[in-house]
Each structure stands twice: as structure tokens, then as C-alpha cells.
Amino acid sequence: MVSGKRLADIGYRAFSASMMVLTLYGGYLCAMRGYRYMKRQEQLKLAAENQDAELIKD
């Protein structure tokens, strides 16, 4: 039979591990959102430059 103290320790470790996983996953999501934002800004800049180049050609 598992003692109450041992059960509480296991529960605490499981909870701590799940919080670490959620924190890492949240960091990953934030990093990916930042990466997509940077890529989108780069694409918009290139599109604006291309549009300016087309206006100059006409």
C-alpha cells in the first residue's frame, strides 16, 4: 500500500512535469508565431518592392 506522503509526492511530481510540458509547448507556440510574423513581414516587403518596380516600368 502506498502511503499518503508517497502518493502526494507522486502527484506533485506529475503535476510539475505537466506544467513543464505546458510551458515548453507555450514557448514553442510563441516562437512559431513570431517566426510566421517575421516571414509574413518579409513577404509583404518583397511584394511592396515588386509592386514599386512594376510601377516604375510602366
PDB file of N, CA and C in Angstrom:
ATOM      1  N   MET A   1       0.853  -1.186   0.000  1.00  0.00           N
ATOM      2  CA  MET A   1       0.000   0.000   0.000  1.00  0.00           C
ATOM      3  C   MET A   1       0.893   1.242   0.000  1.00  0.00           C
ATOM      4  N   VAL A   2       0.497   2.226  -0.787  1.00  0.00           N
ATOM      5  CA  VAL A   2       1.258   3.463  -0.898  1.00  0.00           C
ATOM      6  C   VAL A   2       0.833   4.412   0.213  1.00  0.00           C
ATOM      7  N   SER A   3       1.821   4.979   0.901  1.00  0.00           N
ATOM      8  CA  SER A   3       1.495   5.906   1.987  1.00  0.00           C
ATOM      9  C   SER A   3       0.994   7.231   1.404  1.00  0.00           C
ATOM     10  N   GLY A   4       0.350   8.005   2.233  1.00  0.00           N
ATOM     11  CA  GLY A   4      -0.188   9.298   1.798  1.00  0.00           C
ATOM     12  C   GLY A   4       0.907  10.250   1.356  1.00  0.00           C
ATOM     13  N   LYS A   5       2.027  10.221   2.101  1.00  0.00           N
ATOM     14  CA  LYS A   5       3.143  11.108   1.748  1.00  0.00           C
ATOM     15  C   LYS A   5       3.709  10.738   0.381  1.00  0.00           C
ATOM     16  N   ARG A   6       3.840   9.453   0.128  1.00  0.00           N
ATOM     17  CA  ARG A   6       4.377   8.968  -1.156  1.00  0.00           C
ATOM     18  C   ARG A   6       3.418   9.319  -2.295  1.00  0.00           C
ATOM     19  N   LEU A   7       2.140   9.155  -2.069  1.00  0.00           N
ATOM     20  CA  LEU A   7       1.130   9.485  -3.076  1.00  0.00           C
ATOM     21  C   LEU A   7       1.140  10.979  -3.384  1.00  0.00           C
ATOM     22  N   ALA A   8       1.273  11.796  -2.354  1.00  0.00           N
ATOM     23  CA  ALA A   8       1.337  13.247  -2.545  1.00  0.00           C
ATOM     24  C   ALA A   8       2.586  13.621  -3.335  1.00  0.00           C
ATOM     25  N   ASP A   9       3.698  12.952  -3.046  1.00  0.00           N
ATOM     26  CA  ASP A   9       4.947  13.218  -3.767  1.00  0.00           C
ATOM     27  C   ASP A   9       4.812  12.857  -5.246  1.00  0.00           C
ATOM     28  N   ILE A  10       4.199  11.735  -5.533  1.00  0.00           N
ATOM     29  CA  ILE A  10       3.988  11.311  -6.922  1.00  0.00           C
ATOM     30  C   ILE A  10       3.062  12.306  -7.643  1.00  0.00           C
ATOM     31  N   GLY A  11       2.014  12.716  -6.961  1.00  0.00           N
ATOM     32  CA  GLY A  11       1.091  13.684  -7.549  1.00  0.00           C
ATOM     33  C   GLY A  11       1.765  15.017  -7.837  1.00  0.00           C
ATOM     34  N   TYR A  12       2.609  15.459  -6.907  1.00  0.00           N
ATOM     35  CA  TYR A  12       3.325  16.718  -7.085  1.00  0.00           C
ATOM     36  C   TYR A  12       4.277  16.637  -8.274  1.00  0.00           C
ATOM     37  N   ARG A  13       4.991  15.517  -8.376  1.00  0.00           N
ATOM     38  CA  ARG A  13       5.922  15.351  -9.492  1.00  0.00           C
ATOM     39  C   ARG A  13       5.175  15.291 -10.823  1.00  0.00           C
ATOM     40  N   ALA A  14       4.059  14.607 -10.861  1.00  0.00           N
ATOM     41  CA  ALA A  14       3.275  14.519 -12.096  1.00  0.00           C
ATOM     42  C   ALA A  14       2.748  15.901 -12.490  1.00  0.00           C
ATOM     43  N   PHE A  15       2.254  16.648 -11.507  1.00  0.00           N
ATOM     44  CA  PHE A  15       1.751  17.996 -11.774  1.00  0.00           C
ATOM     45  C   PHE A  15       2.882  18.901 -12.253  1.00  0.00           C
ATOM     46  N   SER A  16       4.037  18.835 -11.611  1.00  0.00           N
ATOM     47  CA  SER A  16       5.177  19.655 -12.015  1.00  0.00           C
ATOM     48  C   SER A  16       5.628  19.309 -13.430  1.00  0.00           C
ATOM     49  N   ALA A  17       5.660  18.042 -13.750  1.00  0.00           N
ATOM     50  CA  ALA A  17       6.065  17.610 -15.088  1.00  0.00           C
ATOM     51  C   ALA A  17       5.073  18.123 -16.133  1.00  0.00           C
ATOM     52  N   SER A  18       3.782  18.055 -15.821  1.00  0.00           N
ATOM     53  CA  SER A  18       2.791  18.522 -16.788  1.00  0.00           C
ATOM     54  C   SER A  18       2.893  20.035 -16.981  1.00  0.00           C
ATOM     55  N   MET A  19       3.200  20.771 -15.931  1.00  0.00           N
ATOM     56  CA  MET A  19       3.381  22.222 -16.054  1.00  0.00           C
ATOM     57  C   MET A  19       4.613  22.548 -16.888  1.00  0.00           C
ATOM     58  N   MET A  20       5.678  21.758 -16.736  1.00  0.00           N
ATOM     59  CA  MET A  20       6.885  21.973 -17.547  1.00  0.00           C
ATOM     60  C   MET A  20       6.580  21.727 -19.022  1.00  0.00           C
ATOM     61  N   VAL A  21       5.848  20.659 -19.294  1.00  0.00           N
ATOM     62  CA  VAL A  21       5.490  20.347 -20.688  1.00  0.00           C
ATOM     63  C   VAL A  21       4.629  21.463 -21.267  1.00  0.00           C
ATOM     64  N   LEU A  22       3.648  21.938 -20.513  1.00  0.00           N
ATOM     65  CA  LEU A  22       2.800  23.031 -20.998  1.00  0.00           C
ATOM     66  C   LEU A  22       3.596  24.304 -21.227  1.00  0.00           C
ATOM     67  N   THR A  23       4.549  24.584 -20.361  1.00  0.00           N
ATOM     68  CA  THR A  23       5.397  25.770 -20.520  1.00  0.00           C
ATOM     69  C   THR A  23       6.244  25.657 -21.781  1.00  0.00           C
ATOM     70  N   LEU A  24       6.830  24.505 -22.001  1.00  0.00           N
ATOM     71  CA  LEU A  24       7.627  24.296 -23.207  1.00  0.00           C
ATOM     72  C   LEU A  24       6.763  24.414 -24.462  1.00  0.00           C
ATOM     73  N   TYR A  25       5.577  23.831 -24.419  1.00  0.00           N
ATOM     74  CA  TYR A  25       4.671  23.903 -25.565  1.00  0.00           C
ATOM     75  C   TYR A  25       4.239  25.348 -25.825  1.00  0.00           C
ATOM     76  N   GLY A  26       3.958  26.093 -24.775  1.00  0.00           N
ATOM     77  CA  GLY A  26       3.603  27.508 -24.926  1.00  0.00           C
ATOM     78  C   GLY A  26       4.745  28.310 -25.523  1.00  0.00           C
ATOM     79  N   GLY A  27       5.963  28.032 -25.088  1.00  0.00           N
ATOM     80  CA  GLY A  27       7.132  28.696 -25.664  1.00  0.00           C
ATOM     81  C   GLY A  27       7.285  28.367 -27.133  1.00  0.00           C
ATOM     82  N   TYR A  28       7.047  27.121 -27.475  1.00  0.00           N
ATOM     83  CA  TYR A  28       7.111  26.701 -28.879  1.00  0.00           C
ATOM     84  C   TYR A  28       6.075  27.445 -29.708  1.00  0.00           C
ATOM     85  N   LEU A  29       4.861  27.529 -29.204  1.00  0.00           N
ATOM     86  CA  LEU A  29       3.800  28.230 -29.942  1.00  0.00           C
ATOM     87  C   LEU A  29       4.140  29.710 -30.129  1.00  0.00           C
ATOM     88  N   CYS A  30       4.672  30.342 -29.101  1.00  0.00           N
ATOM     89  CA  CYS A  30       5.068  31.749 -29.216  1.00  0.00           C
ATOM     90  C   CYS A  30       6.190  31.925 -30.227  1.00  0.00           C
ATOM     91  N   ALA A  31       7.162  31.023 -30.196  1.00  0.00           N
ATOM     92  CA  ALA A  31       8.279  31.118 -31.137  1.00  0.00           C
ATOM     93  C   ALA A  31       7.797  30.928 -32.571  1.00  0.00           C
ATOM     94  N   MET A  32       6.909  29.981 -32.781  1.00  0.00           N
ATOM     95  CA  MET A  32       6.404  29.747 -34.134  1.00  0.00           C
ATOM     96  C   MET A  32       5.561  30.918 -34.622  1.00  0.00           C
ATOM     97  N   ARG A  33       4.800  31.517 -33.733  1.00  0.00           N
ATOM     98  CA  ARG A  33       4.004  32.682 -34.123  1.00  0.00           C
ATOM     99  C   ARG A  33       4.915  33.848 -34.498  1.00  0.00           C
ATOM    100  N   GLY A  34       5.973  34.047 -33.726  1.00  0.00           N
ATOM    101  CA  GLY A  34       6.940  35.096 -34.052  1.00  0.00           C
ATOM    102  C   GLY A  34       7.631  34.824 -35.373  1.00  0.00           C
ATOM    103  N   TYR A  35       7.984  33.568 -35.610  1.00  0.00           N
ATOM    104  CA  TYR A  35       8.633  33.192 -36.863  1.00  0.00           C
ATOM    105  C   TYR A  35       7.710  33.461 -38.054  1.00  0.00           C
ATOM    106  N   ARG A  36       6.442  33.056 -37.932  1.00  0.00           N
ATOM    107  CA  ARG A  36       5.484  33.300 -39.019  1.00  0.00           C
ATOM    108  C   ARG A  36       5.266  34.784 -39.235  1.00  0.00           C
ATOM    109  N   TYR A  37       5.252  35.567 -38.158  1.00  0.00           N
ATOM    110  CA  TYR A  37       5.089  37.014 -38.275  1.00  0.00           C
ATOM    111  C   TYR A  37       6.263  37.616 -39.048  1.00  0.00           C
ATOM    112  N   MET A  38       7.474  37.196 -38.702  1.00  0.00           N
ATOM    113  CA  MET A  38       8.663  37.714 -39.389  1.00  0.00           C
ATOM    114  C   MET A  38       8.647  37.331 -40.863  1.00  0.00           C
ATOM    115  N   LYS A  39       8.280  36.087 -41.165  1.00  0.00           N
ATOM    116  CA  LYS A  39       8.211  35.645 -42.556  1.00  0.00           C
ATOM    117  C   LYS A  39       7.163  36.438 -43.330  1.00  0.00           C
ATOM    118  N   ARG A  40       6.012  36.671 -42.701  1.00  0.00           N
ATOM    119  CA  ARG A  40       4.937  37.419 -43.358  1.00  0.00           C
ATOM    120  C   ARG A  40       5.387  38.846 -43.644  1.00  0.00           C
ATOM    121  N   GLN A  41       6.080  39.473 -42.699  1.00  0.00           N
ATOM    122  CA  GLN A  41       6.573  40.829 -42.924  1.00  0.00           C
ATOM    123  C   GLN A  41       7.568  40.856 -44.082  1.00  0.00           C
ATOM    124  N   GLU A  42       8.403  39.836 -44.156  1.00  0.00           N
ATOM    125  CA  GLU A  42       9.371  39.741 -45.249  1.00  0.00           C
ATOM    126  C   GLU A  42       8.653  39.600 -46.594  1.00  0.00           C
ATOM    127  N   GLN A  43       7.604  38.766 -46.629  1.00  0.00           N
ATOM    128  CA  GLN A  43       6.840  38.583 -47.865  1.00  0.00           C
ATOM    129  C   GLN A  43       6.138  39.875 -48.269  1.00  0.00           C
ATOM    130  N   LEU A  44       5.568  40.584 -47.315  1.00  0.00           N
ATOM    131  CA  LEU A  44       4.899  41.846 -47.622  1.00  0.00           C
ATOM    132  C   LEU A  44       5.882  42.881 -48.147  1.00  0.00           C
ATOM    133  N   LYS A  45       7.070  42.905 -47.575  1.00  0.00           N
ATOM    134  CA  LYS A  45       8.100  43.843 -48.028  1.00  0.00           C
ATOM    135  C   LYS A  45       8.501  43.531 -49.469  1.00  0.00           C
ATOM    136  N   LEU A  46       8.711  42.252 -49.768  1.00  0.00           N
ATOM    137  CA  LEU A  46       9.073  41.862 -51.133  1.00  0.00           C
ATOM    138  C   LEU A  46       7.947  42.188 -52.111  1.00  0.00           C
ATOM    139  N   ALA A  47       6.712  41.953 -51.702  1.00  0.00           N
ATOM    140  CA  ALA A  47       5.573  42.259 -52.566  1.00  0.00           C
ATOM    141  C   ALA A  47       5.490  43.759 -52.829  1.00  0.00           C
ATOM    142  N   ALA A  48       5.738  44.568 -51.814  1.00  0.00           N
ATOM    143  CA  ALA A  48       5.702  46.021 -51.980  1.00  0.00           C
ATOM    144  C   ALA A  48       6.831  46.475 -52.908  1.00  0.00           C
ATOM    145  N   GLU A  49       8.015  45.879 -52.769  1.00  0.00           N
ATOM    146  CA  GLU A  49       9.137  46.232 -53.643  1.00  0.00           C
ATOM    147  C   GLU A  49       8.837  45.846 -55.091  1.00  0.00           C
ATOM    148  N   ASN A  50       8.229  44.676 -55.284  1.00  0.00           N
ATOM    149  CA  ASN A  50       7.881  44.234 -56.626  1.00  0.00           C
ATOM    150  C   ASN A  50       6.814  45.136 -57.234  1.00  0.00           C
ATOM    151  N   GLN A  51       5.877  45.568 -56.419  1.00  0.00           N
ATOM    152  CA  GLN A  51       4.824  46.445 -56.903  1.00  0.00           C
ATOM    153  C   GLN A  51       5.419  47.790 -57.320  1.00  0.00           C
ATOM    154  N   ASP A  52       6.359  48.306 -56.538  1.00  0.00           N
ATOM    155  CA  ASP A  52       7.030  49.558 -56.885  1.00  0.00           C
ATOM    156  C   ASP A  52       7.809  49.401 -58.181  1.00  0.00           C
ATOM    157  N   ALA A  53       8.463  48.260 -58.371  1.00  0.00           N
ATOM    158  CA  ALA A  53       9.244  48.016 -59.585  1.00  0.00           C
ATOM    159  C   ALA A  53       8.320  47.982 -60.804  1.00  0.00           C
ATOM    160  N   GLU A  54       7.133  47.412 -60.658  1.00  0.00           N
ATOM    161  CA  GLU A  54       6.173  47.366 -61.774  1.00  0.00           C
ATOM    162  C   GLU A  54       5.672  48.756 -62.105  1.00  0.00           C
ATOM    163  N   LEU A  55       5.462  49.599 -61.118  1.00  0.00           N
ATOM    164  CA  LEU A  55       5.017  50.957 -61.368  1.00  0.00           C
ATOM    165  C   LEU A  55       6.089  51.764 -62.122  1.00  0.00           C
ATOM    166  N   ILE A  56       7.331  51.533 -61.791  1.00  0.00           N
ATOM    167  CA  ILE A  56       8.435  52.241 -62.434  1.00  0.00           C
ATOM    168  C   ILE A  56       8.548  51.808 -63.903  1.00  0.00           C
ATOM    169  N   LYS A  57       8.307  50.516 -64.179  1.00  0.00           N
ATOM    170  CA  LYS A  57       8.405  50.005 -65.547  1.00  0.00           C
ATOM    171  C   LYS A  57       7.348  50.643 -66.441  1.00  0.00           C
ATOM    172  N   ASP A  58       6.164  50.887 -65.904  1.00  0.00           N
ATOM    173  CA  ASP A  58       5.060  51.442 -66.713  1.00  0.00           C
ATOM    174  C   ASP A  58       5.336  52.858 -66.992  1.00  0.00           C
TER     175      ASP A  58
END
